[in-house]
Amino acid sequence: MKPSPFQLSRAARALFGLALSCGVWLPSAYGFTVGITAGQRALFLQVGVGTMSGGFFNNGGTPGDNPTVNTASVTVPVAQLGSGAPQLMTTDSTVTASPWEGAAFCNSPATTGQVYVGGFFRRPGQGAGGNEAILSVTTPAALTSVNGDTIPFSRIAWTSSGIGDATATIPPGTFVGGGTQTLLPVSRNTWFESCLAFSYLNTEIVPAGTFTGRATFTLTAP
C-alpha cells in the first residue's frame, strides 16, 4: 500500500507507478463489496502492498500507513512494437490475500500482473445523506522518458477481477491521462476490493527508452 490516512480523514491517497520499456534495441474481470459496522468516521485505501495489524479487518485488524509504492511494467518485444497487440504488464506487488478476511482474492501477481485495490468508508449511522465516498485516479498526460519522449497515459488499460466474484466492483477501463477520473462510488459502511491487471495498448511505434509515469488513487468522502 501507500500512504492512506485511517481516521478522521477527508481523503486517503495511494501512489502507483507504471513503466514501459520500448524500442528497436529490445529483444485479460471482477470485484467484491461487503457491509461493515457503522462507527467513527474513517477512510482506508490500499493499492498493492498494505498494512493490517492484529489480524484481518473482519476480526479486529487495524489498517495502517505503508510507504511502499508498487509498480507495473512491460518490455515490448521488437517484433510486437506498435502492432496493436496489447502487452500485459507485470507488477512487483505480492498481494494475493484479501485484508478483509485473508481469503485468496488476487491471482499470482508474478504471472497475472494483478494489483490489489481495496479499502472502506465508515461513518456513524446507516441513514441517507453523505452516503458515498468516491474512488478516483489521477494521472499526468503522458509517461515520459529521460530523453523527453512521451507515450499518452491513455495507452494504459486495465481489467478487473477477483477470485470467486462474478461482477466487477471497479469496472475495467482505460486511463484518461492528464486528469482525474471516477472509478467507483463507495457506499457508507462498505468495504470494497478488486484486482486490477494493467496492459499497454501498443498502438504506435515509439522511440527506444524507458517511459515512466505515476497514477494516484484517491478515496474521498464529503
Protein backbone atom coordinates (compact mmCIF):
# COMPACT_ATOMS: atom_id res chain seq x y z
CA MET A 1 0.00 0.00 0.00
CA LYS A 2 0.89 3.67 0.02
CA PRO A 3 0.13 6.45 2.49
CA SER A 4 -3.55 6.17 3.39
CA PRO A 5 -4.75 8.09 6.48
CA PHE A 6 -7.07 5.95 8.61
CA GLN A 7 -9.12 8.13 10.96
CA LEU A 8 -10.89 11.47 10.58
CA SER A 9 -9.60 11.98 7.05
CA ARG A 10 -11.36 13.50 4.06
CA ALA A 11 -9.13 11.65 1.61
CA ALA A 12 -6.91 8.60 1.52
CA ARG A 13 -4.36 8.58 -1.28
CA ALA A 14 -2.22 5.87 -2.81
CA LEU A 15 0.52 6.14 -5.42
CA PHE A 16 1.10 3.56 -8.11
CA GLY A 17 3.94 3.66 -10.65
CA LEU A 18 3.81 2.49 -14.25
CA ALA A 19 6.78 1.93 -16.55
CA LEU A 20 7.19 0.90 -20.18
CA SER A 21 10.37 -0.14 -21.97
CA CYS A 22 10.12 0.26 -25.74
CA GLY A 23 12.49 0.42 -28.70
CA VAL A 24 14.12 -1.50 -31.54
CA TRP A 25 17.09 -2.46 -29.38
CA LEU A 26 14.91 -4.61 -27.03
CA PRO A 27 14.55 -8.37 -27.64
CA SER A 28 -7.18 -10.22 -19.54
CA ALA A 29 -12.81 -9.26 -14.73
CA TYR A 30 -14.37 -8.90 -11.28
CA GLY A 31 -14.71 -7.44 -7.67
CA PHE A 32 -16.18 -7.55 -4.16
CA THR A 33 -18.13 -5.43 -1.65
CA VAL A 34 -19.35 -6.20 1.88
CA GLY A 35 -21.03 -4.19 4.60
CA ILE A 36 -19.09 -3.19 7.74
CA THR A 37 -20.39 -1.92 11.07
CA ALA A 38 -21.02 1.79 11.47
CA GLY A 39 -18.57 3.68 13.66
CA GLN A 40 -16.11 6.54 13.96
CA ARG A 41 -15.57 8.27 10.62
CA ALA A 42 -12.70 6.59 8.77
CA LEU A 43 -11.27 6.05 5.29
CA PHE A 44 -8.81 3.36 4.24
CA LEU A 45 -7.31 2.73 0.81
CA GLN A 46 -4.82 0.04 -0.22
CA VAL A 47 -3.23 -0.20 -3.68
CA GLY A 48 -0.75 -3.06 -3.88
CA VAL A 49 1.10 -3.85 -0.65
CA GLY A 50 -0.54 -2.61 2.56
CA THR A 51 -0.50 -2.90 6.34
CA MET A 52 -3.12 -4.56 8.53
CA SER A 53 -2.08 -5.09 12.16
CA GLY A 54 -3.59 -7.51 14.67
CA GLY A 55 -5.29 -9.84 12.21
CA PHE A 56 -7.60 -9.27 9.29
CA PHE A 57 -10.09 -6.41 9.30
CA ASN A 58 -13.20 -8.53 9.88
CA ASN A 59 -11.77 -9.90 13.14
CA GLY A 60 -10.37 -6.69 14.60
CA GLY A 61 -7.36 -5.89 12.44
CA THR A 62 -6.30 -2.25 12.25
CA PRO A 63 -5.25 -0.66 8.91
CA GLY A 64 -2.06 1.38 8.92
CA ASP A 65 0.12 3.51 6.66
CA ASN A 66 2.58 1.78 4.35
CA PRO A 67 5.07 3.81 2.27
CA THR A 68 5.56 1.16 -0.44
CA VAL A 69 4.87 2.35 -4.00
CA ASN A 70 4.35 -0.68 -6.20
CA THR A 71 4.85 -0.61 -9.96
CA ALA A 72 3.57 -2.26 -13.11
CA SER A 73 5.85 -2.52 -16.13
CA VAL A 74 6.29 -4.17 -19.50
CA THR A 75 9.07 -4.56 -22.06
CA VAL A 76 7.68 -4.59 -25.59
CA PRO A 77 9.46 -7.10 -27.88
CA VAL A 78 10.77 -5.58 -31.10
CA ALA A 79 8.57 -7.90 -33.17
CA GLN A 80 5.46 -6.56 -31.40
CA LEU A 81 6.35 -2.87 -31.23
CA GLY A 82 3.39 -0.79 -32.42
CA SER A 83 1.49 -3.87 -33.61
CA GLY A 84 -1.70 -3.03 -31.71
CA ALA A 85 -1.43 -6.27 -29.72
CA PRO A 86 -1.91 -5.28 -26.03
CA GLN A 87 1.05 -6.13 -23.79
CA LEU A 88 0.19 -7.37 -20.28
CA MET A 89 2.16 -5.52 -17.61
CA THR A 90 3.78 -7.31 -14.66
CA THR A 91 3.94 -5.95 -11.12
CA ASP A 92 6.22 -6.04 -8.08
CA SER A 93 3.17 -6.21 -5.79
CA THR A 94 2.91 -9.57 -3.99
CA VAL A 95 -0.60 -9.23 -2.55
CA THR A 96 -2.90 -12.21 -3.19
CA ALA A 97 -4.98 -12.39 0.03
CA SER A 98 -7.80 -10.02 0.96
CA PRO A 99 -7.04 -7.87 4.05
CA TRP A 100 -10.76 -8.20 4.82
CA GLU A 101 -10.62 -11.86 5.91
CA GLY A 102 -7.46 -13.38 4.47
CA ALA A 103 -9.01 -15.43 1.66
CA ALA A 104 -7.16 -15.76 -1.64
CA PHE A 105 -8.50 -12.97 -3.86
CA CYS A 106 -5.92 -11.96 -6.50
CA ASN A 107 -4.21 -14.49 -8.72
CA SER A 108 -0.41 -14.63 -8.54
CA PRO A 109 0.84 -11.12 -9.41
CA ALA A 110 4.04 -12.65 -10.76
CA THR A 111 2.12 -14.33 -13.59
CA THR A 112 -1.03 -12.20 -13.98
CA GLY A 113 0.20 -8.71 -13.10
CA GLN A 114 -2.80 -8.23 -10.79
CA VAL A 115 -2.62 -5.35 -8.32
CA TYR A 116 -4.91 -5.39 -5.28
CA VAL A 117 -7.07 -2.25 -4.81
CA GLY A 118 -9.41 -2.08 -1.82
CA GLY A 119 -10.50 -0.25 1.29
CA PHE A 120 -13.52 1.15 3.09
CA PHE A 121 -15.56 4.20 4.02
CA ARG A 122 -17.01 4.21 7.55
CA ARG A 123 -19.11 6.79 9.38
CA PRO A 124 -21.75 6.77 12.12
CA GLY A 125 -25.31 5.82 11.27
CA GLN A 126 -26.95 3.96 8.45
CA GLY A 127 -29.37 6.56 7.08
CA ALA A 128 -29.27 8.61 3.90
CA GLY A 129 -27.24 11.76 3.45
CA GLY A 130 -23.48 11.98 2.92
CA ASN A 131 -23.77 8.36 1.88
CA GLU A 132 -20.91 7.86 -0.56
CA ALA A 133 -17.16 8.19 -0.82
CA ILE A 134 -15.57 8.37 -4.27
CA LEU A 135 -12.63 6.31 -5.50
CA SER A 136 -10.78 8.15 -8.27
CA VAL A 137 -7.44 8.05 -10.05
CA THR A 138 -5.34 10.96 -11.31
CA THR A 139 -2.66 10.64 -14.00
CA PRO A 140 -0.43 13.02 -15.93
CA ALA A 141 -1.00 13.43 -19.65
CA ALA A 142 1.82 11.07 -20.58
CA LEU A 143 4.51 8.67 -19.50
CA THR A 144 7.91 10.20 -20.26
CA SER A 145 11.45 9.01 -20.94
CA VAL A 146 14.72 10.64 -19.88
CA ASN A 147 15.04 11.90 -23.47
CA GLY A 148 11.73 13.73 -23.20
CA ASP A 149 9.80 11.35 -25.43
CA THR A 150 6.23 10.59 -24.37
CA ILE A 151 3.50 7.95 -24.53
CA PRO A 152 -0.05 9.10 -23.72
CA PHE A 153 -1.31 7.70 -20.41
CA SER A 154 -4.46 6.74 -22.30
CA ARG A 155 -2.45 3.87 -23.82
CA ILE A 156 -2.75 2.04 -20.47
CA ALA A 157 -5.89 -0.02 -19.77
CA TRP A 158 -6.92 -2.44 -17.05
CA THR A 159 -9.20 -5.40 -16.42
CA SER A 160 -10.83 -6.10 -13.06
CA SER A 161 -11.24 -9.49 -11.37
CA GLY A 162 -11.40 -11.29 -8.03
CA ILE A 163 -11.38 -14.98 -7.17
CA GLY A 164 -14.94 -16.20 -6.61
CA ASP A 165 -16.61 -12.98 -7.82
CA ALA A 166 -18.99 -12.72 -10.75
CA THR A 167 -19.36 -8.97 -11.28
CA ALA A 168 -16.82 -6.15 -11.37
CA THR A 169 -16.64 -3.79 -8.39
CA ILE A 170 -14.12 -1.46 -10.01
CA PRO A 171 -15.11 -1.61 -13.69
CA PRO A 172 -12.48 -2.28 -16.37
CA GLY A 173 -11.29 0.84 -18.13
CA THR A 174 -8.54 2.99 -19.60
CA PHE A 175 -6.67 5.92 -18.05
CA VAL A 176 -7.83 9.25 -19.47
CA GLY A 177 -4.42 10.90 -18.98
CA GLY A 178 -3.99 14.48 -17.85
CA GLY A 179 -6.85 14.45 -15.37
CA THR A 180 -8.88 12.71 -12.70
CA GLN A 181 -11.48 10.03 -13.40
CA THR A 182 -14.02 8.47 -11.10
CA LEU A 183 -13.66 4.71 -10.69
CA LEU A 184 -16.25 3.80 -8.07
CA PRO A 185 -18.79 5.31 -5.65
CA VAL A 186 -18.33 3.63 -2.24
CA SER A 187 -21.42 3.47 -0.04
CA ARG A 188 -21.20 4.38 3.63
CA ASN A 189 -20.02 1.48 5.82
CA THR A 190 -18.82 -0.63 2.90
CA TRP A 191 -15.57 -2.49 2.21
CA PHE A 192 -14.68 -2.83 -1.50
CA GLU A 193 -11.90 -4.59 -3.40
CA SER A 194 -10.80 -5.64 -6.88
CA CYS A 195 -7.68 -6.99 -8.57
CA LEU A 196 -6.59 -4.79 -11.49
CA ALA A 197 -4.37 -6.10 -14.28
CA PHE A 198 -2.83 -3.39 -16.48
CA SER A 199 -1.96 -3.59 -20.18
CA TYR A 200 -0.09 -1.35 -22.62
CA LEU A 201 -2.25 -0.96 -25.74
CA ASN A 202 0.81 -0.79 -28.03
CA THR A 203 -0.86 1.15 -30.83
CA GLU A 204 2.15 3.12 -32.11
CA ILE A 205 5.87 2.88 -32.68
CA VAL A 206 7.76 4.98 -30.12
CA PRO A 207 11.45 5.83 -29.68
CA ALA A 208 13.68 3.49 -27.68
CA GLY A 209 13.72 4.16 -23.93
CA THR A 210 12.06 3.58 -20.59
CA PHE A 211 8.88 5.58 -20.11
CA THR A 212 7.56 6.16 -16.60
CA GLY A 213 4.52 7.75 -15.00
CA ARG A 214 2.55 7.60 -11.77
CA ALA A 215 -1.14 7.09 -11.10
CA THR A 216 -2.51 8.45 -7.82
CA PHE A 217 -5.58 6.67 -6.45
CA THR A 218 -7.71 8.67 -4.01
CA LEU A 219 -10.67 7.74 -1.80
CA THR A 220 -12.53 10.92 -0.80
CA ALA A 221 -15.52 11.40 1.48
CA PRO A 222 -17.67 14.55 1.92
